[in-house]
Amino acid sequence: MSPKAQPGIDSKSESQGQTCESSESTTEYTASKEYMKLTAVFVKIPGGGYMGYVEELPGANTEGRTLDETRKNLRDAIEQVLEVNRELTEETISELGLSEQEPIREQLVLAAA
């Protein structure tokens, strides 16, 4: 499951040196080749297999028979958590009657830890 493209965000903005600027403010974000880093934690399960989770992203957890399988499953779980969060936010906006409002979308670039 891949994340949806965000309208108003240029996919080229991830290239090094590209600048994103909001029409509502003068704050500029310069994207670079550094990415946000998350902490994956893997624990061996008694009886075989592994459990994995992401410390910074509640709900992103999984299991697998091998460490490699668990790593792959965890990447899938992260994508799914982000997708569900996007869908829930869209539903909330709609329920609040704000879906007719034009959203302000900005790319948020976090410094790598």
N, C-alpha and C. Protein backbone atom coordinates (compact mmCIF):
# COMPACT_ATOMS: atom_id res chain seq x y z
N MET A 1 0.86 -1.16 0.00
CA MET A 1 0.00 0.00 0.00
C MET A 1 0.91 1.23 0.00
N SER A 2 0.83 2.04 -1.01
CA SER A 2 1.69 3.21 -1.06
C SER A 2 0.91 4.45 -0.66
N PRO A 3 1.62 5.46 -0.09
CA PRO A 3 0.94 6.67 0.35
C PRO A 3 0.36 7.43 -0.82
N LYS A 4 -0.74 8.13 -0.59
CA LYS A 4 -1.37 8.95 -1.62
C LYS A 4 -0.51 10.18 -1.90
N ALA A 5 -0.54 10.62 -3.14
CA ALA A 5 0.13 11.88 -3.46
C ALA A 5 -0.67 13.00 -2.82
N GLN A 6 0.02 13.95 -2.25
CA GLN A 6 -0.62 15.08 -1.60
C GLN A 6 -0.79 16.21 -2.61
N PRO A 7 -2.02 16.62 -2.94
CA PRO A 7 -2.21 17.73 -3.85
C PRO A 7 -1.52 18.97 -3.30
N GLY A 8 -0.87 19.71 -4.18
CA GLY A 8 -0.23 20.95 -3.76
C GLY A 8 1.19 20.76 -3.30
N ILE A 9 1.66 19.51 -3.26
CA ILE A 9 3.05 19.27 -2.87
C ILE A 9 3.76 18.69 -4.08
N ASP A 10 4.79 19.37 -4.52
CA ASP A 10 5.55 18.98 -5.68
C ASP A 10 6.48 17.83 -5.30
N SER A 11 6.36 16.71 -6.01
CA SER A 11 7.20 15.56 -5.68
C SER A 11 8.67 15.84 -5.92
N LYS A 12 9.00 16.85 -6.71
CA LYS A 12 10.38 17.21 -6.95
C LYS A 12 11.00 17.93 -5.77
N SER A 13 10.19 18.34 -4.80
CA SER A 13 10.68 19.14 -3.69
C SER A 13 11.60 18.36 -2.77
N GLU A 14 11.73 17.05 -2.96
CA GLU A 14 12.64 16.27 -2.13
C GLU A 14 14.07 16.34 -2.63
N SER A 15 14.28 16.92 -3.81
CA SER A 15 15.64 16.97 -4.33
C SER A 15 16.47 17.98 -3.56
N GLN A 16 17.77 17.74 -3.54
CA GLN A 16 18.66 18.57 -2.75
C GLN A 16 18.62 20.02 -3.25
N GLY A 17 18.54 20.95 -2.29
CA GLY A 17 18.58 22.36 -2.63
C GLY A 17 17.26 22.96 -3.05
N GLN A 18 16.25 22.16 -3.27
CA GLN A 18 14.93 22.68 -3.66
C GLN A 18 14.32 23.39 -2.47
N THR A 19 13.65 24.53 -2.70
CA THR A 19 13.05 25.29 -1.62
C THR A 19 11.54 25.28 -1.76
N CYS A 20 10.84 25.10 -0.63
CA CYS A 20 9.39 25.13 -0.59
C CYS A 20 8.99 26.35 0.20
N GLU A 21 8.05 27.13 -0.30
CA GLU A 21 7.63 28.31 0.42
C GLU A 21 6.11 28.36 0.46
N SER A 22 5.56 28.62 1.61
CA SER A 22 4.12 28.74 1.79
C SER A 22 3.66 30.08 1.27
N SER A 23 2.47 30.10 0.65
CA SER A 23 1.92 31.37 0.18
C SER A 23 1.39 32.20 1.35
N GLU A 24 1.21 31.57 2.52
CA GLU A 24 0.67 32.25 3.69
C GLU A 24 1.75 32.84 4.60
N SER A 25 2.99 32.42 4.43
CA SER A 25 4.04 32.92 5.30
C SER A 25 5.34 33.05 4.52
N THR A 26 6.34 33.61 5.15
CA THR A 26 7.62 33.76 4.50
C THR A 26 8.61 32.70 4.96
N THR A 27 8.15 31.74 5.75
CA THR A 27 9.01 30.66 6.22
C THR A 27 9.39 29.78 5.04
N GLU A 28 10.69 29.54 4.88
CA GLU A 28 11.16 28.67 3.81
C GLU A 28 11.72 27.39 4.41
N TYR A 29 11.49 26.29 3.72
CA TYR A 29 12.03 25.00 4.12
C TYR A 29 12.91 24.52 3.00
N THR A 30 14.14 24.20 3.29
CA THR A 30 15.04 23.68 2.28
C THR A 30 15.17 22.18 2.48
N ALA A 31 14.75 21.44 1.47
CA ALA A 31 14.82 19.98 1.55
C ALA A 31 16.25 19.55 1.21
N SER A 32 16.67 18.46 1.80
CA SER A 32 17.98 17.93 1.50
C SER A 32 17.87 16.42 1.38
N LYS A 33 18.98 15.75 1.19
CA LYS A 33 18.98 14.31 1.05
C LYS A 33 18.91 13.60 2.40
N GLU A 34 18.85 14.35 3.51
CA GLU A 34 18.71 13.73 4.82
C GLU A 34 17.23 13.47 5.06
N TYR A 35 16.94 12.39 5.72
CA TYR A 35 15.56 12.00 5.96
C TYR A 35 15.30 11.90 7.45
N MET A 36 14.03 11.96 7.80
CA MET A 36 13.66 11.75 9.19
C MET A 36 14.02 10.32 9.55
N LYS A 37 14.59 10.14 10.72
CA LYS A 37 14.99 8.81 11.15
C LYS A 37 14.08 8.36 12.29
N LEU A 38 13.56 7.15 12.14
CA LEU A 38 12.71 6.55 13.16
C LEU A 38 13.47 5.39 13.80
N THR A 39 13.05 5.02 14.99
CA THR A 39 13.72 3.93 15.69
C THR A 39 12.88 2.66 15.61
N ALA A 40 13.38 1.67 14.89
CA ALA A 40 12.73 0.37 14.81
C ALA A 40 13.31 -0.50 15.93
N VAL A 41 12.43 -1.15 16.68
CA VAL A 41 12.86 -2.02 17.77
C VAL A 41 12.36 -3.43 17.45
N PHE A 42 13.27 -4.40 17.58
CA PHE A 42 12.93 -5.79 17.31
C PHE A 42 13.22 -6.62 18.55
N VAL A 43 12.27 -7.49 18.88
CA VAL A 43 12.41 -8.34 20.07
C VAL A 43 12.15 -9.79 19.64
N LYS A 44 13.06 -10.67 20.02
CA LYS A 44 12.88 -12.09 19.72
C LYS A 44 11.75 -12.64 20.59
N ILE A 45 10.82 -13.34 19.96
CA ILE A 45 9.67 -13.91 20.66
C ILE A 45 10.03 -15.32 21.11
N PRO A 46 9.77 -15.65 22.38
CA PRO A 46 10.02 -17.03 22.83
C PRO A 46 9.25 -18.02 21.96
N GLY A 47 9.90 -19.03 21.50
CA GLY A 47 9.24 -20.02 20.65
C GLY A 47 9.47 -19.76 19.18
N GLY A 48 10.10 -18.64 18.84
CA GLY A 48 10.43 -18.37 17.44
C GLY A 48 9.79 -17.11 16.91
N GLY A 49 10.52 -16.45 16.05
CA GLY A 49 10.02 -15.26 15.40
C GLY A 49 10.43 -13.98 16.13
N TYR A 50 9.98 -12.86 15.57
CA TYR A 50 10.31 -11.55 16.10
C TYR A 50 9.09 -10.65 16.13
N MET A 51 9.10 -9.72 17.05
CA MET A 51 8.11 -8.65 17.10
C MET A 51 8.88 -7.38 16.78
N GLY A 52 8.28 -6.46 16.02
CA GLY A 52 8.92 -5.20 15.72
C GLY A 52 7.95 -4.05 15.87
N TYR A 53 8.47 -2.89 16.30
CA TYR A 53 7.64 -1.70 16.41
C TYR A 53 8.51 -0.46 16.21
N VAL A 54 7.85 0.68 15.98
CA VAL A 54 8.54 1.96 15.81
C VAL A 54 8.24 2.79 17.04
N GLU A 55 9.29 3.19 17.75
CA GLU A 55 9.11 3.94 19.00
C GLU A 55 8.34 5.24 18.79
N GLU A 56 8.60 5.94 17.69
CA GLU A 56 8.03 7.27 17.48
C GLU A 56 6.67 7.25 16.78
N LEU A 57 6.17 6.09 16.41
CA LEU A 57 4.93 6.02 15.64
C LEU A 57 3.98 4.99 16.25
N PRO A 58 3.13 5.42 17.19
CA PRO A 58 2.20 4.48 17.81
C PRO A 58 1.35 3.77 16.76
N GLY A 59 1.18 2.49 16.94
CA GLY A 59 0.37 1.70 16.02
C GLY A 59 1.17 0.99 14.95
N ALA A 60 2.43 1.38 14.76
CA ALA A 60 3.28 0.73 13.76
C ALA A 60 4.01 -0.41 14.45
N ASN A 61 3.41 -1.60 14.36
CA ASN A 61 4.02 -2.78 14.97
C ASN A 61 3.65 -4.00 14.15
N THR A 62 4.44 -5.05 14.29
CA THR A 62 4.22 -6.25 13.48
C THR A 62 4.96 -7.43 14.08
N GLU A 63 4.84 -8.59 13.43
CA GLU A 63 5.58 -9.79 13.79
C GLU A 63 6.06 -10.45 12.51
N GLY A 64 7.04 -11.33 12.64
CA GLY A 64 7.53 -12.10 11.50
C GLY A 64 8.30 -13.31 11.97
N ARG A 65 8.47 -14.27 11.07
CA ARG A 65 9.22 -15.50 11.42
C ARG A 65 10.71 -15.23 11.51
N THR A 66 11.22 -14.33 10.63
CA THR A 66 12.64 -14.00 10.64
C THR A 66 12.78 -12.50 10.86
N LEU A 67 14.01 -12.07 11.18
CA LEU A 67 14.26 -10.64 11.36
C LEU A 67 14.04 -9.88 10.05
N ASP A 68 14.47 -10.44 8.94
CA ASP A 68 14.26 -9.78 7.64
C ASP A 68 12.77 -9.65 7.31
N GLU A 69 12.01 -10.70 7.56
CA GLU A 69 10.56 -10.65 7.32
C GLU A 69 9.91 -9.60 8.21
N THR A 70 10.34 -9.53 9.46
CA THR A 70 9.78 -8.55 10.39
C THR A 70 10.11 -7.14 9.94
N ARG A 71 11.33 -6.91 9.46
CA ARG A 71 11.71 -5.58 8.93
C ARG A 71 10.79 -5.18 7.77
N LYS A 72 10.57 -6.11 6.83
CA LYS A 72 9.70 -5.82 5.68
C LYS A 72 8.27 -5.53 6.16
N ASN A 73 7.79 -6.37 7.06
CA ASN A 73 6.43 -6.18 7.59
C ASN A 73 6.30 -4.83 8.30
N LEU A 74 7.37 -4.40 8.98
CA LEU A 74 7.31 -3.13 9.70
C LEU A 74 7.23 -1.96 8.73
N ARG A 75 7.95 -2.02 7.63
CA ARG A 75 7.83 -0.96 6.61
C ARG A 75 6.39 -0.88 6.08
N ASP A 76 5.80 -2.04 5.83
CA ASP A 76 4.40 -2.08 5.39
C ASP A 76 3.48 -1.49 6.45
N ALA A 77 3.73 -1.82 7.72
CA ALA A 77 2.90 -1.30 8.82
C ALA A 77 3.00 0.22 8.90
N ILE A 78 4.19 0.77 8.71
CA ILE A 78 4.37 2.22 8.74
C ILE A 78 3.54 2.88 7.64
N GLU A 79 3.62 2.35 6.42
CA GLU A 79 2.84 2.88 5.30
C GLU A 79 1.34 2.83 5.62
N GLN A 80 0.89 1.73 6.20
CA GLN A 80 -0.53 1.58 6.51
C GLN A 80 -0.97 2.56 7.60
N VAL A 81 -0.16 2.75 8.64
CA VAL A 81 -0.50 3.69 9.71
C VAL A 81 -0.62 5.10 9.13
N LEU A 82 0.32 5.50 8.29
CA LEU A 82 0.27 6.84 7.70
C LEU A 82 -0.96 7.01 6.79
N GLU A 83 -1.29 5.98 6.02
CA GLU A 83 -2.46 6.03 5.14
C GLU A 83 -3.75 6.15 5.95
N VAL A 84 -3.87 5.34 7.00
CA VAL A 84 -5.07 5.39 7.85
C VAL A 84 -5.19 6.76 8.52
N ASN A 85 -4.06 7.32 8.99
CA ASN A 85 -4.10 8.65 9.60
C ASN A 85 -4.58 9.70 8.61
N ARG A 86 -4.12 9.61 7.35
CA ARG A 86 -4.60 10.55 6.33
C ARG A 86 -6.12 10.42 6.14
N GLU A 87 -6.60 9.18 6.03
CA GLU A 87 -8.03 8.94 5.83
C GLU A 87 -8.86 9.45 7.01
N LEU A 88 -8.40 9.19 8.23
CA LEU A 88 -9.12 9.66 9.41
C LEU A 88 -9.17 11.19 9.46
N THR A 89 -8.09 11.82 9.07
CA THR A 89 -8.07 13.28 9.05
C THR A 89 -9.06 13.82 8.02
N GLU A 90 -9.09 13.21 6.84
CA GLU A 90 -10.05 13.63 5.81
C GLU A 90 -11.48 13.47 6.31
N GLU A 91 -11.78 12.36 7.00
CA GLU A 91 -13.12 12.14 7.55
C GLU A 91 -13.47 13.20 8.59
N THR A 92 -12.52 13.52 9.44
CA THR A 92 -12.74 14.52 10.49
C THR A 92 -13.02 15.89 9.87
N ILE A 93 -12.25 16.26 8.87
CA ILE A 93 -12.44 17.54 8.17
C ILE A 93 -13.85 17.59 7.57
N SER A 94 -14.25 16.47 6.98
CA SER A 94 -15.58 16.40 6.37
C SER A 94 -16.68 16.51 7.43
N GLU A 95 -16.54 15.78 8.54
CA GLU A 95 -17.54 15.81 9.60
C GLU A 95 -17.67 17.19 10.23
N LEU A 96 -16.59 17.94 10.27
CA LEU A 96 -16.61 19.30 10.83
C LEU A 96 -17.14 20.32 9.84
N GLY A 97 -17.45 19.86 8.63
CA GLY A 97 -17.98 20.77 7.61
C GLY A 97 -16.91 21.69 7.02
N LEU A 98 -15.66 21.27 7.09
CA LEU A 98 -14.56 22.10 6.60
C LEU A 98 -14.04 21.66 5.24
N SER A 99 -14.68 20.64 4.65
CA SER A 99 -14.18 20.10 3.39
C SER A 99 -14.29 21.09 2.24
N GLU A 100 -15.13 22.10 2.37
CA GLU A 100 -15.26 23.11 1.33
C GLU A 100 -14.17 24.17 1.41
N GLN A 101 -13.49 24.22 2.56
CA GLN A 101 -12.40 25.18 2.74
C GLN A 101 -11.18 24.71 1.95
N GLU A 102 -10.48 25.66 1.37
CA GLU A 102 -9.24 25.31 0.65
C GLU A 102 -8.12 25.15 1.68
N PRO A 103 -7.55 23.94 1.78
CA PRO A 103 -6.49 23.74 2.78
C PRO A 103 -5.18 24.40 2.35
N ILE A 104 -4.39 24.73 3.32
CA ILE A 104 -3.04 25.24 3.08
C ILE A 104 -2.11 24.06 3.29
N ARG A 105 -1.43 23.64 2.25
CA ARG A 105 -0.53 22.49 2.35
C ARG A 105 0.90 22.99 2.25
N GLU A 106 1.72 22.56 3.17
CA GLU A 106 3.14 22.90 3.17
C GLU A 106 3.93 21.62 3.38
N GLN A 107 5.09 21.57 2.77
CA GLN A 107 5.96 20.43 3.04
C GLN A 107 6.65 20.71 4.36
N LEU A 108 6.67 19.73 5.23
CA LEU A 108 7.31 19.85 6.53
C LEU A 108 8.59 19.02 6.48
N VAL A 109 9.71 19.69 6.66
CA VAL A 109 10.99 19.00 6.65
C VAL A 109 11.55 19.02 8.06
N LEU A 110 11.79 17.83 8.60
CA LEU A 110 12.31 17.70 9.95
C LEU A 110 13.81 17.44 9.90
N ALA A 111 14.54 18.04 10.81
CA ALA A 111 15.98 17.80 10.88
C ALA A 111 16.22 16.36 11.30
N ALA A 112 17.16 15.73 10.66
CA ALA A 112 17.50 14.36 11.01
C ALA A 112 18.18 14.35 12.37
N ALA A 113 17.76 13.42 13.22
CA ALA A 113 18.32 13.33 14.59
C ALA A 113 19.67 12.69 14.60
